[in-house]
Amino acid sequence: MRGALLASATLRLMFPTDPTLDATLPSGSEMRSFALETILTAILMLAVLRTTVGEPAKVALAGVAIGSVIALEAMFAGPVCGASMNPARSLAPALVSGRTESLWIYVAAPMLGAFLGVAADRLMYRREREPSP
């Protein structure tokens, strides 16, 4: 977190007239951004959990899979909600720029999304372990 705050403070010094310092802000309604951030984080968490555990060949490509998920989510959802998927990514620019009005979205939605992603992974893991009829 200190690094993010230092980076945001550096941006404030470099660009003193920038009103947001690239703070993550919704372009539409807050509820749409909350829902989208929740879904994006759930998908990302599921991708992380499904690719980082298991066979060495699968784990070797985990970075490619996770990076691809992040890139696709940012490309398609970034214009709508900012595609933060990480409270730390949103917290420092919001605090340094003073644009905290929508910060709750980018703190609460990733927590809920991560919980849902873990729950989905556990459900998949349980089904994989059940004997076939």
N, C-alpha and C. Protein backbone atom coordinates (compact mmCIF):
# COMPACT_ATOMS: atom_id res chain seq x y z
N MET A 1 0.82 -1.19 0.00
CA MET A 1 0.00 0.00 0.00
C MET A 1 0.87 1.26 0.00
N ARG A 2 2.00 1.18 0.71
CA ARG A 2 2.89 2.34 0.74
C ARG A 2 3.38 2.68 -0.66
N GLY A 3 3.68 1.65 -1.43
CA GLY A 3 4.15 1.88 -2.80
C GLY A 3 3.10 2.57 -3.65
N ALA A 4 1.84 2.15 -3.50
CA ALA A 4 0.75 2.78 -4.26
C ALA A 4 0.56 4.23 -3.84
N LEU A 5 0.66 4.49 -2.55
CA LEU A 5 0.54 5.88 -2.07
C LEU A 5 1.70 6.74 -2.57
N LEU A 6 2.90 6.17 -2.54
CA LEU A 6 4.07 6.90 -3.03
C LEU A 6 3.93 7.19 -4.53
N ALA A 7 3.47 6.20 -5.29
CA ALA A 7 3.27 6.40 -6.73
C ALA A 7 2.22 7.47 -7.00
N SER A 8 1.13 7.44 -6.25
CA SER A 8 0.07 8.44 -6.44
C SER A 8 0.54 9.84 -6.03
N ALA A 9 1.31 9.91 -4.96
CA ALA A 9 1.87 11.21 -4.55
C ALA A 9 2.84 11.73 -5.60
N THR A 10 3.62 10.84 -6.19
CA THR A 10 4.53 11.24 -7.27
C THR A 10 3.75 11.77 -8.47
N LEU A 11 2.66 11.09 -8.81
CA LEU A 11 1.82 11.58 -9.90
C LEU A 11 1.23 12.95 -9.57
N ARG A 12 0.86 13.17 -8.32
CA ARG A 12 0.32 14.47 -7.91
C ARG A 12 1.37 15.56 -8.11
N LEU A 13 2.63 15.25 -7.79
CA LEU A 13 3.70 16.23 -8.00
C LEU A 13 3.96 16.47 -9.48
N MET A 14 3.89 15.41 -10.27
CA MET A 14 4.16 15.54 -11.71
C MET A 14 3.02 16.20 -12.47
N PHE A 15 1.78 15.94 -12.04
CA PHE A 15 0.60 16.45 -12.72
C PHE A 15 -0.33 17.12 -11.71
N PRO A 16 0.04 18.26 -11.20
CA PRO A 16 -0.73 18.91 -10.13
C PRO A 16 -2.14 19.33 -10.53
N THR A 17 -2.43 19.47 -11.81
CA THR A 17 -3.77 19.90 -12.22
C THR A 17 -4.69 18.74 -12.58
N ASP A 18 -4.18 17.51 -12.58
CA ASP A 18 -5.02 16.35 -12.89
C ASP A 18 -6.00 16.14 -11.75
N PRO A 19 -7.30 16.19 -12.02
CA PRO A 19 -8.27 16.11 -10.93
C PRO A 19 -8.46 14.71 -10.34
N THR A 20 -8.10 13.66 -11.06
CA THR A 20 -8.39 12.31 -10.56
C THR A 20 -7.16 11.44 -10.34
N LEU A 21 -6.04 11.74 -10.97
CA LEU A 21 -4.83 10.90 -10.90
C LEU A 21 -5.14 9.45 -11.29
N ASP A 22 -6.03 9.30 -12.26
CA ASP A 22 -6.48 7.97 -12.71
C ASP A 22 -7.16 7.17 -11.61
N ALA A 23 -7.83 7.84 -10.70
CA ALA A 23 -8.63 7.14 -9.70
C ALA A 23 -9.71 6.34 -10.44
N THR A 24 -10.01 5.16 -9.94
CA THR A 24 -11.02 4.32 -10.58
C THR A 24 -12.40 4.89 -10.26
N LEU A 25 -13.12 5.28 -11.30
CA LEU A 25 -14.45 5.86 -11.13
C LEU A 25 -15.41 5.21 -12.11
N PRO A 26 -16.64 4.97 -11.69
CA PRO A 26 -17.61 4.38 -12.62
C PRO A 26 -18.02 5.37 -13.69
N SER A 27 -18.25 4.86 -14.91
CA SER A 27 -18.71 5.76 -15.97
C SER A 27 -20.23 5.76 -16.05
N GLY A 28 -20.87 4.78 -15.46
CA GLY A 28 -22.33 4.70 -15.43
C GLY A 28 -22.81 4.70 -13.99
N SER A 29 -23.84 3.91 -13.74
CA SER A 29 -24.39 3.86 -12.39
C SER A 29 -23.45 3.11 -11.45
N GLU A 30 -23.52 3.46 -10.18
CA GLU A 30 -22.69 2.79 -9.19
C GLU A 30 -23.06 1.32 -9.04
N MET A 31 -24.35 0.99 -9.12
CA MET A 31 -24.76 -0.40 -8.97
C MET A 31 -24.28 -1.26 -10.14
N ARG A 32 -24.29 -0.73 -11.34
CA ARG A 32 -23.78 -1.47 -12.49
C ARG A 32 -22.28 -1.73 -12.31
N SER A 33 -21.55 -0.72 -11.85
CA SER A 33 -20.12 -0.89 -11.62
C SER A 33 -19.85 -1.87 -10.49
N PHE A 34 -20.67 -1.82 -9.43
CA PHE A 34 -20.51 -2.76 -8.32
C PHE A 34 -20.72 -4.19 -8.81
N ALA A 35 -21.78 -4.42 -9.56
CA ALA A 35 -22.07 -5.76 -10.08
C ALA A 35 -20.96 -6.23 -11.00
N LEU A 36 -20.50 -5.37 -11.88
CA LEU A 36 -19.47 -5.75 -12.83
C LEU A 36 -18.14 -6.04 -12.12
N GLU A 37 -17.77 -5.20 -11.17
CA GLU A 37 -16.53 -5.44 -10.41
C GLU A 37 -16.61 -6.76 -9.63
N THR A 38 -17.78 -7.07 -9.11
CA THR A 38 -17.96 -8.34 -8.39
C THR A 38 -17.75 -9.52 -9.33
N ILE A 39 -18.38 -9.47 -10.49
CA ILE A 39 -18.28 -10.56 -11.47
C ILE A 39 -16.84 -10.68 -11.98
N LEU A 40 -16.21 -9.55 -12.30
CA LEU A 40 -14.83 -9.58 -12.81
C LEU A 40 -13.88 -10.21 -11.79
N THR A 41 -14.02 -9.82 -10.53
CA THR A 41 -13.14 -10.35 -9.50
C THR A 41 -13.40 -11.84 -9.27
N ALA A 42 -14.66 -12.25 -9.32
CA ALA A 42 -14.99 -13.67 -9.16
C ALA A 42 -14.35 -14.50 -10.27
N ILE A 43 -14.43 -14.02 -11.49
CA ILE A 43 -13.82 -14.73 -12.63
C ILE A 43 -12.30 -14.77 -12.47
N LEU A 44 -11.70 -13.66 -12.08
CA LEU A 44 -10.25 -13.61 -11.89
C LEU A 44 -9.82 -14.56 -10.78
N MET A 45 -10.53 -14.55 -9.66
CA MET A 45 -10.18 -15.43 -8.55
C MET A 45 -10.31 -16.90 -8.96
N LEU A 46 -11.36 -17.21 -9.68
CA LEU A 46 -11.54 -18.58 -10.16
C LEU A 46 -10.41 -18.98 -11.11
N ALA A 47 -9.99 -18.08 -11.98
CA ALA A 47 -8.89 -18.37 -12.89
C ALA A 47 -7.59 -18.61 -12.11
N VAL A 48 -7.35 -17.82 -11.09
CA VAL A 48 -6.14 -17.99 -10.28
C VAL A 48 -6.17 -19.35 -9.58
N LEU A 49 -7.27 -19.66 -8.94
CA LEU A 49 -7.36 -20.90 -8.18
C LEU A 49 -7.34 -22.14 -9.08
N ARG A 50 -7.95 -22.06 -10.24
CA ARG A 50 -8.01 -23.22 -11.14
C ARG A 50 -6.70 -23.47 -11.87
N THR A 51 -5.85 -22.46 -12.00
CA THR A 51 -4.62 -22.64 -12.78
C THR A 51 -3.35 -22.75 -11.95
N THR A 52 -3.39 -22.39 -10.68
CA THR A 52 -2.15 -22.39 -9.90
C THR A 52 -1.97 -23.63 -9.04
N VAL A 53 -2.92 -24.54 -9.07
CA VAL A 53 -2.83 -25.77 -8.28
C VAL A 53 -3.01 -26.94 -9.23
N GLY A 54 -2.16 -27.94 -9.10
CA GLY A 54 -2.34 -29.13 -9.91
C GLY A 54 -1.09 -29.55 -10.62
N GLU A 55 -1.27 -30.07 -11.80
CA GLU A 55 -0.16 -30.62 -12.59
C GLU A 55 0.84 -29.52 -12.95
N PRO A 56 2.13 -29.87 -12.94
CA PRO A 56 3.17 -28.87 -13.27
C PRO A 56 2.98 -28.22 -14.64
N ALA A 57 2.51 -28.97 -15.61
CA ALA A 57 2.32 -28.39 -16.95
C ALA A 57 1.24 -27.32 -16.93
N LYS A 58 0.19 -27.54 -16.15
CA LYS A 58 -0.89 -26.55 -16.04
C LYS A 58 -0.40 -25.32 -15.29
N VAL A 59 0.32 -25.54 -14.20
CA VAL A 59 0.82 -24.44 -13.38
C VAL A 59 1.82 -23.59 -14.16
N ALA A 60 2.58 -24.21 -15.04
CA ALA A 60 3.58 -23.47 -15.83
C ALA A 60 2.94 -22.40 -16.71
N LEU A 61 1.72 -22.61 -17.12
CA LEU A 61 1.02 -21.64 -17.97
C LEU A 61 0.05 -20.76 -17.18
N ALA A 62 0.09 -20.84 -15.86
CA ALA A 62 -0.84 -20.07 -15.04
C ALA A 62 -0.72 -18.58 -15.30
N GLY A 63 0.49 -18.07 -15.42
CA GLY A 63 0.69 -16.64 -15.66
C GLY A 63 0.06 -16.17 -16.95
N VAL A 64 0.16 -16.99 -17.98
CA VAL A 64 -0.45 -16.65 -19.26
C VAL A 64 -1.97 -16.61 -19.13
N ALA A 65 -2.53 -17.61 -18.47
CA ALA A 65 -3.99 -17.66 -18.31
C ALA A 65 -4.49 -16.49 -17.46
N ILE A 66 -3.83 -16.24 -16.35
CA ILE A 66 -4.26 -15.16 -15.45
C ILE A 66 -4.08 -13.80 -16.13
N GLY A 67 -2.96 -13.60 -16.78
CA GLY A 67 -2.73 -12.35 -17.50
C GLY A 67 -3.75 -12.13 -18.61
N SER A 68 -4.12 -13.20 -19.28
CA SER A 68 -5.13 -13.09 -20.34
C SER A 68 -6.49 -12.71 -19.77
N VAL A 69 -6.85 -13.29 -18.63
CA VAL A 69 -8.13 -12.93 -17.99
C VAL A 69 -8.13 -11.45 -17.62
N ILE A 70 -7.04 -11.00 -17.02
CA ILE A 70 -6.96 -9.58 -16.62
C ILE A 70 -7.04 -8.68 -17.85
N ALA A 71 -6.31 -9.01 -18.90
CA ALA A 71 -6.32 -8.19 -20.11
C ALA A 71 -7.71 -8.13 -20.74
N LEU A 72 -8.37 -9.28 -20.86
CA LEU A 72 -9.71 -9.30 -21.46
C LEU A 72 -10.72 -8.54 -20.60
N GLU A 73 -10.65 -8.73 -19.29
CA GLU A 73 -11.59 -8.02 -18.41
C GLU A 73 -11.36 -6.52 -18.48
N ALA A 74 -10.10 -6.09 -18.49
CA ALA A 74 -9.81 -4.66 -18.57
C ALA A 74 -10.25 -4.07 -19.91
N MET A 75 -10.06 -4.85 -20.98
CA MET A 75 -10.42 -4.36 -22.30
C MET A 75 -11.93 -4.16 -22.44
N PHE A 76 -12.69 -5.12 -21.94
CA PHE A 76 -14.13 -5.06 -22.15
C PHE A 76 -14.88 -4.31 -21.05
N ALA A 77 -14.43 -4.41 -19.81
CA ALA A 77 -15.17 -3.77 -18.71
C ALA A 77 -14.52 -2.48 -18.23
N GLY A 78 -13.27 -2.24 -18.61
CA GLY A 78 -12.59 -1.03 -18.18
C GLY A 78 -13.34 0.25 -18.48
N PRO A 79 -13.88 0.40 -19.68
CA PRO A 79 -14.61 1.64 -19.98
C PRO A 79 -15.89 1.83 -19.15
N VAL A 80 -16.43 0.75 -18.64
CA VAL A 80 -17.69 0.85 -17.87
C VAL A 80 -17.43 1.10 -16.40
N CYS A 81 -16.55 0.30 -15.80
CA CYS A 81 -16.38 0.39 -14.35
C CYS A 81 -14.93 0.63 -13.91
N GLY A 82 -14.00 0.61 -14.82
CA GLY A 82 -12.60 0.78 -14.47
C GLY A 82 -11.85 -0.53 -14.34
N ALA A 83 -12.56 -1.63 -14.18
CA ALA A 83 -11.96 -2.97 -14.07
C ALA A 83 -10.80 -3.00 -13.09
N SER A 84 -11.02 -2.54 -11.89
CA SER A 84 -9.97 -2.49 -10.89
C SER A 84 -9.63 -3.90 -10.38
N MET A 85 -10.61 -4.64 -9.93
CA MET A 85 -10.46 -6.01 -9.42
C MET A 85 -9.49 -6.10 -8.26
N ASN A 86 -9.12 -4.98 -7.67
CA ASN A 86 -8.11 -4.96 -6.62
C ASN A 86 -8.26 -3.67 -5.82
N PRO A 87 -8.66 -3.78 -4.54
CA PRO A 87 -8.83 -2.56 -3.74
C PRO A 87 -7.58 -1.69 -3.66
N ALA A 88 -6.41 -2.31 -3.60
CA ALA A 88 -5.17 -1.52 -3.50
C ALA A 88 -4.95 -0.67 -4.74
N ARG A 89 -5.37 -1.16 -5.91
CA ARG A 89 -5.21 -0.40 -7.15
C ARG A 89 -6.07 0.87 -7.14
N SER A 90 -7.18 0.83 -6.43
CA SER A 90 -8.10 1.97 -6.41
C SER A 90 -7.93 2.88 -5.20
N LEU A 91 -7.44 2.34 -4.11
CA LEU A 91 -7.41 3.10 -2.86
C LEU A 91 -6.45 4.30 -2.89
N ALA A 92 -5.21 4.07 -3.28
CA ALA A 92 -4.21 5.15 -3.23
C ALA A 92 -4.57 6.33 -4.15
N PRO A 93 -4.90 6.11 -5.43
CA PRO A 93 -5.26 7.27 -6.26
C PRO A 93 -6.49 8.02 -5.73
N ALA A 94 -7.44 7.28 -5.16
CA ALA A 94 -8.63 7.94 -4.63
C ALA A 94 -8.28 8.81 -3.42
N LEU A 95 -7.44 8.30 -2.55
CA LEU A 95 -7.07 9.07 -1.36
C LEU A 95 -6.24 10.30 -1.71
N VAL A 96 -5.26 10.14 -2.59
CA VAL A 96 -4.38 11.27 -2.93
C VAL A 96 -5.13 12.32 -3.75
N SER A 97 -6.04 11.89 -4.63
CA SER A 97 -6.79 12.86 -5.44
C SER A 97 -7.99 13.43 -4.70
N GLY A 98 -8.40 12.78 -3.62
CA GLY A 98 -9.58 13.23 -2.88
C GLY A 98 -10.89 12.79 -3.52
N ARG A 99 -10.83 11.92 -4.52
CA ARG A 99 -12.03 11.43 -5.21
C ARG A 99 -12.47 10.10 -4.59
N THR A 100 -13.04 10.16 -3.40
CA THR A 100 -13.41 8.96 -2.65
C THR A 100 -14.90 8.64 -2.71
N GLU A 101 -15.65 9.38 -3.51
CA GLU A 101 -17.11 9.19 -3.51
C GLU A 101 -17.56 7.81 -3.95
N SER A 102 -16.83 7.15 -4.80
CA SER A 102 -17.20 5.81 -5.28
C SER A 102 -16.24 4.74 -4.80
N LEU A 103 -15.39 5.07 -3.88
CA LEU A 103 -14.38 4.13 -3.42
C LEU A 103 -14.99 2.86 -2.83
N TRP A 104 -16.16 2.99 -2.21
CA TRP A 104 -16.80 1.83 -1.59
C TRP A 104 -17.00 0.70 -2.60
N ILE A 105 -17.27 1.05 -3.85
CA ILE A 105 -17.48 0.04 -4.90
C ILE A 105 -16.22 -0.79 -5.06
N TYR A 106 -15.08 -0.13 -5.11
CA TYR A 106 -13.82 -0.77 -5.44
C TYR A 106 -13.15 -1.42 -4.23
N VAL A 107 -13.77 -1.31 -3.07
CA VAL A 107 -13.33 -2.04 -1.89
C VAL A 107 -14.27 -3.22 -1.64
N ALA A 108 -15.57 -2.96 -1.65
CA ALA A 108 -16.55 -4.01 -1.32
C ALA A 108 -16.73 -5.04 -2.44
N ALA A 109 -16.82 -4.60 -3.68
CA ALA A 109 -17.09 -5.54 -4.79
C ALA A 109 -15.97 -6.57 -4.97
N PRO A 110 -14.68 -6.19 -4.92
CA PRO A 110 -13.65 -7.22 -5.04
C PRO A 110 -13.67 -8.23 -3.88
N MET A 111 -14.01 -7.77 -2.69
CA MET A 111 -14.11 -8.72 -1.57
C MET A 111 -15.23 -9.73 -1.81
N LEU A 112 -16.38 -9.23 -2.23
CA LEU A 112 -17.50 -10.13 -2.52
C LEU A 112 -17.16 -11.03 -3.70
N GLY A 113 -16.57 -10.50 -4.74
CA GLY A 113 -16.20 -11.29 -5.91
C GLY A 113 -15.19 -12.38 -5.57
N ALA A 114 -14.21 -12.05 -4.72
CA ALA A 114 -13.22 -13.05 -4.32
C ALA A 114 -13.89 -14.18 -3.54
N PHE A 115 -14.80 -13.82 -2.66
CA PHE A 115 -15.55 -14.84 -1.92
C PHE A 115 -16.33 -15.74 -2.87
N LEU A 116 -17.00 -15.15 -3.84
CA LEU A 116 -17.77 -15.95 -4.80
C LEU A 116 -16.87 -16.82 -5.67
N GLY A 117 -15.71 -16.31 -6.04
CA GLY A 117 -14.76 -17.10 -6.83
C GLY A 117 -14.24 -18.29 -6.06
N VAL A 118 -13.93 -18.10 -4.78
CA VAL A 118 -13.48 -19.21 -3.93
C VAL A 118 -14.61 -20.23 -3.76
N ALA A 119 -15.82 -19.75 -3.54
CA ALA A 119 -16.96 -20.67 -3.39
C ALA A 119 -17.17 -21.48 -4.66
N ALA A 120 -17.06 -20.87 -5.81
CA ALA A 120 -17.22 -21.59 -7.08
C ALA A 120 -16.11 -22.63 -7.24
N ASP A 121 -14.88 -22.27 -6.86
CA ASP A 121 -13.76 -23.20 -6.95
C ASP A 121 -14.00 -24.40 -6.03
N ARG A 122 -14.46 -24.15 -4.83
CA ARG A 122 -14.72 -25.26 -3.88
C ARG A 122 -15.81 -26.17 -4.41
N LEU A 123 -16.82 -25.59 -5.02
CA LEU A 123 -17.90 -26.40 -5.60
C LEU A 123 -17.36 -27.26 -6.75
N MET A 124 -16.54 -26.68 -7.60
CA MET A 124 -15.93 -27.43 -8.70
C MET A 124 -15.01 -28.53 -8.17
N TYR A 125 -14.22 -28.22 -7.16
CA TYR A 125 -13.29 -29.18 -6.59
C TYR A 125 -14.06 -30.36 -6.00
N ARG A 126 -15.14 -30.08 -5.31
CA ARG A 126 -15.97 -31.14 -4.71
C ARG A 126 -16.54 -32.03 -5.80
N ARG A 127 -17.02 -31.47 -6.87
CA ARG A 127 -17.58 -32.25 -7.97
C ARG A 127 -16.50 -33.08 -8.66
N GLU A 128 -15.30 -32.57 -8.76
CA GLU A 128 -14.21 -33.33 -9.36
C GLU A 128 -13.84 -34.54 -8.52
N ARG A 129 -14.01 -34.44 -7.21
CA ARG A 129 -13.62 -35.51 -6.30
C ARG A 129 -14.71 -36.54 -6.08
N GLU A 130 -15.96 -36.22 -6.42
CA GLU A 130 -17.05 -37.17 -6.23
C GLU A 130 -16.92 -38.31 -7.23
N PRO A 131 -17.18 -39.54 -6.78
CA PRO A 131 -17.12 -40.68 -7.71
C PRO A 131 -18.23 -40.59 -8.75
N SER A 132 -17.90 -41.01 -9.97
CA SER A 132 -18.90 -41.00 -11.04
C SER A 132 -19.88 -42.14 -10.85
N PRO A 133 -21.16 -41.93 -11.20
CA PRO A 133 -22.15 -43.00 -11.02
C PRO A 133 -22.00 -44.11 -12.03
